[in-house]
């Protein structure tokens, strides 16, 4: 009987980028959409993944897609690295494990009730504005990650009057031309009730070898998974009414960049936000305004 070749547990470790990678600060808004299955399946070709299944009536014939915007920092000993990044993801599971994957409501999934952690997010496109982050994403995780620019204004303790999340990611082939956006999103969450949850760890899928010039899947590529832990609680916005959905605007650009093409094919058909996840890491310290020290009565 020939010997059985055992698949290794881990891909080869990168000599430069060490894991785990710790986020020193993190701010994010992730918006979720139901999209017709026939529009998404072509993007999953040869990934060995299948769209996650849900019990919600509105999920029939649909796939869950999310746009995950995040800005974060990392203390790297000799420097502080800052990154703005988006993951354009489809929620799915490895087809080999279909019998083990639960079917649940969107609410239960976003609350982290999938104890198997087989349902995860396949990264379709990942724009970022930090060259080192792009290199790490491609080399370690095979992400279809590319360098570009962003504009954004997001709520933060140091900008207490800002209540609306707003960001734009630009087409990197038109550097400096702000009329060439991949997409713009705004979200006013001030009138939508929130709940708290922590579904960590999150499962993320991608393919090796990868990169921005590679397809999402391929028979010559290996499916890999990884886990991401959020050390805190999210604000969750679920069960959005038609009136609440009007608090969001998604404007997709007309460029021919592959990400914009896929956005128009999936979310450009009038998809509405069905859920939102927000996370803002707490400040590490706070410095208050100065005051005059009382030195007694001033001499005339």
Protein backbone atom coordinates (compact mmCIF):
# COMPACT_ATOMS: atom_id res chain seq x y z
CA UNK A 1 0.00 0.00 0.00
CA UNK A 2 1.54 3.35 -1.01
CA UNK A 3 2.23 5.82 1.82
CA UNK A 4 -0.39 8.50 2.38
CA UNK A 5 0.91 12.02 1.87
CA UNK A 6 -0.30 14.16 4.74
CA UNK A 7 -1.19 17.75 3.96
CA UNK A 8 0.81 20.20 6.08
CA UNK A 9 -1.15 22.19 8.65
CA UNK A 10 0.40 25.57 7.87
CA UNK A 11 1.75 27.27 4.74
CA UNK A 12 5.47 28.12 4.93
CA UNK A 13 6.11 30.91 7.44
CA UNK A 14 7.21 34.21 5.96
CA UNK A 15 10.66 35.24 7.28
CA UNK A 16 9.69 38.93 7.53
CA UNK A 17 6.08 39.03 8.72
CA UNK A 18 5.62 37.31 12.07
CA UNK A 19 2.29 36.10 13.43
CA UNK A 20 0.26 36.96 15.38
CA UNK A 21 0.07 40.58 14.26
CA UNK A 22 -1.25 42.86 17.00
CA UNK A 23 -3.42 45.88 16.23
CA UNK A 24 -2.59 48.80 18.54
CA UNK A 25 -5.79 50.62 17.57
CA UNK A 26 -8.71 49.70 15.33
CA UNK A 27 -11.79 51.46 14.00
CA UNK A 28 -14.15 49.78 11.55
CA UNK A 29 -17.55 49.80 9.90
CA UNK A 30 -18.72 46.71 8.01
CA UNK A 31 -21.91 46.82 5.96
CA UNK A 32 -23.75 43.65 4.88
CA UNK A 33 -25.92 43.01 1.82
CA UNK A 34 -28.06 40.20 0.37
CA UNK A 35 -27.08 39.70 -3.28
CA UNK A 36 -28.55 37.37 -5.91
CA UNK A 37 -26.61 34.12 -5.89
CA UNK A 38 -26.18 34.03 -9.67
CA UNK A 39 -24.27 37.33 -9.49
CA UNK A 40 -21.80 36.07 -6.88
CA UNK A 41 -21.07 32.46 -7.87
CA UNK A 42 -18.85 33.42 -10.84
CA UNK A 43 -16.58 35.28 -8.40
CA UNK A 44 -16.12 32.09 -6.35
CA UNK A 45 -15.00 29.84 -9.20
CA UNK A 46 -12.36 27.28 -8.18
CA UNK A 47 -12.19 28.52 -4.59
CA UNK A 48 -13.62 25.26 -3.17
CA UNK A 49 -16.01 27.44 -1.18
CA UNK A 50 -19.81 27.65 -1.18
CA UNK A 51 -22.01 30.57 -0.08
CA UNK A 52 -23.16 30.41 3.54
CA UNK A 53 -26.81 29.41 4.05
CA UNK A 54 -29.22 31.29 6.29
CA UNK A 55 -32.76 30.81 7.57
CA UNK A 56 -33.92 34.40 7.02
CA UNK A 57 -36.75 34.52 4.44
CA UNK A 58 -34.98 37.34 2.58
CA UNK A 59 -31.86 35.18 2.18
CA UNK A 60 -33.56 32.74 -0.23
CA UNK A 61 -31.51 32.63 -3.43
CA UNK A 62 -29.14 35.22 -1.96
CA UNK A 63 -25.53 35.38 -0.85
CA UNK A 64 -24.21 37.52 2.00
CA UNK A 65 -21.67 40.12 0.84
CA UNK A 66 -19.91 42.68 3.04
CA UNK A 67 -17.81 45.79 2.58
CA UNK A 68 -15.40 45.91 5.52
CA UNK A 69 -13.73 49.30 5.99
CA UNK A 70 -11.17 49.57 8.76
CA UNK A 71 -8.41 51.94 9.83
CA UNK A 72 -5.82 50.75 12.29
CA UNK A 73 -2.35 51.29 13.69
CA UNK A 74 0.48 49.07 14.88
CA UNK A 75 3.44 49.86 17.13
CA UNK A 76 6.41 48.24 15.39
CA UNK A 77 9.23 49.07 17.78
CA UNK A 78 10.96 51.66 15.63
CA UNK A 79 7.83 53.21 14.11
CA UNK A 80 4.05 53.47 14.18
CA UNK A 81 2.32 52.08 11.10
CA UNK A 82 -1.12 53.36 10.07
CA UNK A 83 -3.38 51.67 7.53
CA UNK A 84 -6.74 52.26 5.86
CA UNK A 85 -8.13 49.12 4.27
CA UNK A 86 -11.27 47.54 2.83
CA UNK A 87 -12.14 43.89 2.42
CA UNK A 88 -14.82 43.18 -0.19
CA UNK A 89 -15.94 39.77 1.10
CA UNK A 90 -18.36 36.95 0.42
CA UNK A 91 -19.52 34.87 3.40
CA UNK A 92 -18.99 31.18 2.73
CA UNK A 93 -17.66 27.82 3.91
CA UNK A 94 -15.41 25.04 2.51
CA UNK A 95 -17.57 22.78 0.35
CA UNK A 96 -15.80 19.68 1.73
CA UNK A 97 -17.28 20.42 5.18
CA UNK A 98 -20.84 21.15 4.07
CA UNK A 99 -22.36 18.47 6.32
CA UNK A 100 -20.80 20.11 9.38
CA UNK A 101 -21.82 23.70 8.62
CA UNK A 102 -24.85 25.03 10.53
CA UNK A 103 -27.71 26.88 8.88
CA UNK A 104 -28.78 29.80 11.06
CA UNK A 105 -30.23 33.28 11.01
CA UNK A 106 -28.12 36.27 10.04
CA UNK A 107 -28.51 37.61 13.57
CA UNK A 108 -27.16 34.41 15.13
CA UNK A 109 -24.27 34.36 12.67
CA UNK A 110 -23.28 37.96 13.40
CA UNK A 111 -23.57 37.27 17.12
CA UNK A 112 -20.99 34.50 16.70
CA UNK A 113 -23.28 31.48 17.22
CA UNK A 114 -21.47 29.39 14.59
CA UNK A 115 -19.41 27.34 17.02
CA UNK A 116 -17.76 25.43 14.18
CA UNK A 117 -16.21 28.66 12.81
CA UNK A 118 -16.43 27.11 9.35
CA UNK A 119 -18.51 30.01 8.03
CA UNK A 120 -16.08 32.75 7.16
CA UNK A 121 -15.30 35.55 4.75
CA UNK A 122 -13.57 35.07 1.42
CA UNK A 123 -11.61 38.17 0.42
CA UNK A 124 -12.50 39.12 -3.15
CA UNK A 125 -10.60 42.44 -3.26
CA UNK A 126 -8.54 44.27 -0.61
CA UNK A 127 -7.48 47.88 -1.27
CA UNK A 128 -5.12 49.47 1.30
CA UNK A 129 -3.03 52.63 1.54
CA UNK A 130 0.07 51.16 3.20
CA UNK A 131 2.65 49.39 1.00
CA UNK A 132 3.90 47.16 3.82
CA UNK A 133 0.35 46.06 4.66
CA UNK A 134 -0.21 45.23 0.99
CA UNK A 135 2.97 43.15 0.87
CA UNK A 136 2.07 41.30 4.08
CA UNK A 137 -1.46 40.57 2.89
CA UNK A 138 -0.27 39.15 -0.41
CA UNK A 139 2.67 37.12 0.93
CA UNK A 140 1.10 35.74 4.10
CA UNK A 141 -2.54 35.34 3.09
CA UNK A 142 -2.66 35.48 -0.70
CA UNK A 143 -5.03 38.44 -0.56
CA UNK A 144 -5.92 40.22 -3.78
CA UNK A 145 -4.53 43.32 -2.12
CA UNK A 146 -3.46 46.49 -3.91
CA UNK A 147 -2.12 49.92 -2.99
CA UNK A 148 -4.39 52.92 -3.39
CA UNK A 149 -5.67 56.05 -1.60
CA UNK A 150 -8.64 56.91 0.61
CA UNK A 151 -10.60 59.84 1.95
CA UNK A 152 -12.57 59.30 5.14
CA UNK A 153 -14.25 60.93 8.13
CA UNK A 154 -15.30 58.62 10.94
CA UNK A 155 -16.56 59.02 14.52
CA UNK A 156 -13.87 59.11 17.18
CA UNK A 157 -13.60 60.42 20.76
CA UNK A 158 -11.37 63.25 19.47
CA UNK A 159 -14.08 64.36 17.00
CA UNK A 160 -17.21 64.15 19.17
CA UNK A 161 -19.44 66.05 16.71
CA UNK A 162 -18.86 63.50 13.93
CA UNK A 163 -21.74 61.02 13.86
CA UNK A 164 -21.72 59.87 10.24
CA UNK A 165 -19.26 57.36 8.83
CA UNK A 166 -18.04 58.33 5.37
CA UNK A 167 -15.24 57.01 3.21
CA UNK A 168 -14.10 56.84 -0.41
CA UNK A 169 -11.57 54.48 -1.97
CA UNK A 170 -9.96 55.52 -5.26
CA UNK A 171 -8.89 53.70 -8.40
CA UNK A 172 -5.08 53.35 -8.13
CA UNK A 173 -4.63 53.63 -11.90
CA UNK A 174 -5.71 57.29 -11.68
CA UNK A 175 -3.43 58.43 -8.85
CA UNK A 176 -4.40 61.87 -7.59
CA UNK A 177 -7.62 62.03 -9.62
CA UNK A 178 -10.39 62.09 -7.02
CA UNK A 179 -13.06 61.85 -9.69
CA UNK A 180 -12.04 58.21 -10.21
CA UNK A 181 -13.45 56.46 -7.16
CA UNK A 182 -13.98 52.73 -6.81
CA UNK A 183 -16.85 53.57 -4.48
CA UNK A 184 -18.06 55.92 -1.74
CA UNK A 185 -20.10 54.91 1.29
CA UNK A 186 -21.83 57.03 3.93
CA UNK A 187 -23.70 55.74 6.98
CA UNK A 188 -25.69 57.70 9.55
CA UNK A 189 -26.26 55.33 12.46
CA UNK A 190 -27.58 57.95 14.87
CA UNK A 191 -31.25 56.95 14.48
CA UNK A 192 -30.77 53.16 14.37
CA UNK A 193 -30.94 51.11 17.61
CA UNK A 194 -27.76 49.21 18.39
CA UNK A 195 -26.89 46.03 20.23
CA UNK A 196 -23.55 44.73 21.42
CA UNK A 197 -21.83 41.46 20.55
CA UNK A 198 -18.45 39.84 20.16
CA UNK A 199 -18.42 36.97 17.65
CA UNK A 200 -14.64 36.47 17.83
CA UNK A 201 -12.77 34.71 16.49
CA UNK A 202 -13.70 35.52 12.91
CA UNK A 203 -12.73 33.13 10.11
CA UNK A 204 -11.17 34.54 6.94
CA UNK A 205 -10.45 32.65 3.71
CA UNK A 206 -8.10 33.36 0.82
CA UNK A 207 -6.00 31.52 -1.76
CA UNK A 208 -2.25 30.98 -2.09
CA UNK A 209 -0.41 32.08 -4.13
CA UNK A 210 -2.40 35.27 -4.51
CA UNK A 211 -2.11 38.93 -5.30
CA UNK A 212 -4.06 41.66 -7.10
CA UNK A 213 -3.31 40.20 -10.53
CA UNK A 214 -4.46 36.70 -9.62
CA UNK A 215 -8.04 35.38 -9.86
CA UNK A 216 -10.07 34.91 -6.69
CA UNK A 217 -9.67 31.14 -7.10
CA UNK A 218 -7.75 28.67 -9.20
CA UNK A 219 -6.99 24.96 -9.48
CA UNK A 220 -3.31 25.78 -8.96
CA UNK A 221 -4.04 27.61 -5.69
CA UNK A 222 -4.45 26.40 -2.10
CA UNK A 223 -7.38 27.47 0.06
CA UNK A 224 -6.18 28.81 3.42
CA UNK A 225 -7.98 30.07 6.48
CA UNK A 226 -7.02 32.34 9.36
CA UNK A 227 -8.62 33.70 12.51
CA UNK A 228 -9.06 37.28 13.71
CA UNK A 229 -9.83 38.13 17.33
CA UNK A 230 -11.48 41.41 18.35
CA UNK A 231 -10.52 42.30 21.93
CA UNK A 232 -13.72 44.13 22.78
CA UNK A 233 -17.38 44.37 21.78
CA UNK A 234 -19.01 45.48 18.56
CA UNK A 235 -21.99 47.70 18.04
CA UNK A 236 -24.44 45.70 15.93
CA UNK A 237 -27.26 47.13 13.81
CA UNK A 238 -29.72 44.46 12.68
CA UNK A 239 -33.20 44.14 11.18
CA UNK A 240 -32.98 47.44 9.34
CA UNK A 241 -36.29 48.87 8.16
CA UNK A 242 -36.68 50.48 4.72
CA UNK A 243 -36.58 53.89 6.42
CA UNK A 244 -33.34 53.00 8.23
CA UNK A 245 -31.79 51.69 5.02
CA UNK A 246 -32.12 55.21 3.62
CA UNK A 247 -29.45 56.26 6.14
CA UNK A 248 -26.86 54.63 3.86
CA UNK A 249 -25.57 55.65 0.45
CA UNK A 250 -23.33 53.51 -1.73
CA UNK A 251 -22.02 55.13 -4.90
CA UNK A 252 -19.99 52.83 -7.15
CA UNK A 253 -17.56 54.41 -9.59
CA UNK A 254 -17.52 53.93 -13.34
CA UNK A 255 -13.86 52.92 -13.66
CA UNK A 256 -12.83 49.60 -15.19
CA UNK A 257 -10.74 48.50 -12.22
CA UNK A 258 -11.59 44.83 -11.43
CA UNK A 259 -12.95 45.74 -8.00
CA UNK A 260 -15.30 48.37 -9.43
CA UNK A 261 -16.43 45.91 -12.11
CA UNK A 262 -17.26 43.29 -9.46
CA UNK A 263 -18.98 45.87 -7.26
CA UNK A 264 -21.23 46.97 -10.12
CA UNK A 265 -22.00 43.33 -10.96
CA UNK A 266 -23.04 42.49 -7.40
CA UNK A 267 -24.00 45.57 -5.39
CA UNK A 268 -24.84 47.82 -8.33
CA UNK A 269 -28.26 46.23 -8.76
CA UNK A 270 -29.90 48.11 -5.89
CA UNK A 271 -28.66 46.00 -2.96
CA UNK A 272 -29.66 47.43 0.42
CA UNK A 273 -27.75 47.29 3.69
CA UNK A 274 -29.22 44.51 5.86
CA UNK A 275 -26.86 44.77 8.85
CA UNK A 276 -23.93 46.80 10.15
CA UNK A 277 -21.04 46.04 12.47
CA UNK A 278 -19.00 48.80 14.15
CA UNK A 279 -15.93 48.51 16.35
CA UNK A 280 -13.85 51.31 17.86
CA UNK A 281 -11.03 50.36 20.20
CA UNK A 282 -10.98 52.35 23.46
CA UNK A 283 -8.42 55.12 24.01
CA UNK A 284 -5.31 54.13 25.96
CA UNK A 285 -5.14 57.41 27.88
CA UNK A 286 -6.65 60.90 27.97
CA UNK A 287 -5.02 64.28 28.59
CA UNK A 288 -7.26 67.09 29.84
CA UNK A 289 -7.15 70.87 29.37
CA UNK A 290 -4.75 72.95 31.48
CA UNK A 291 -5.84 75.11 34.40
CA UNK A 292 -4.36 78.00 36.34
CA UNK A 293 -2.68 76.99 39.58
CA UNK A 294 -3.88 79.03 42.56
CA UNK A 295 -0.84 80.89 43.88
CA UNK A 296 -2.76 83.20 46.18
CA UNK A 297 -3.78 86.82 45.72
CA UNK A 298 -1.94 88.57 42.94
CA UNK A 299 0.08 91.67 43.91
CA UNK A 300 -1.01 94.94 42.32
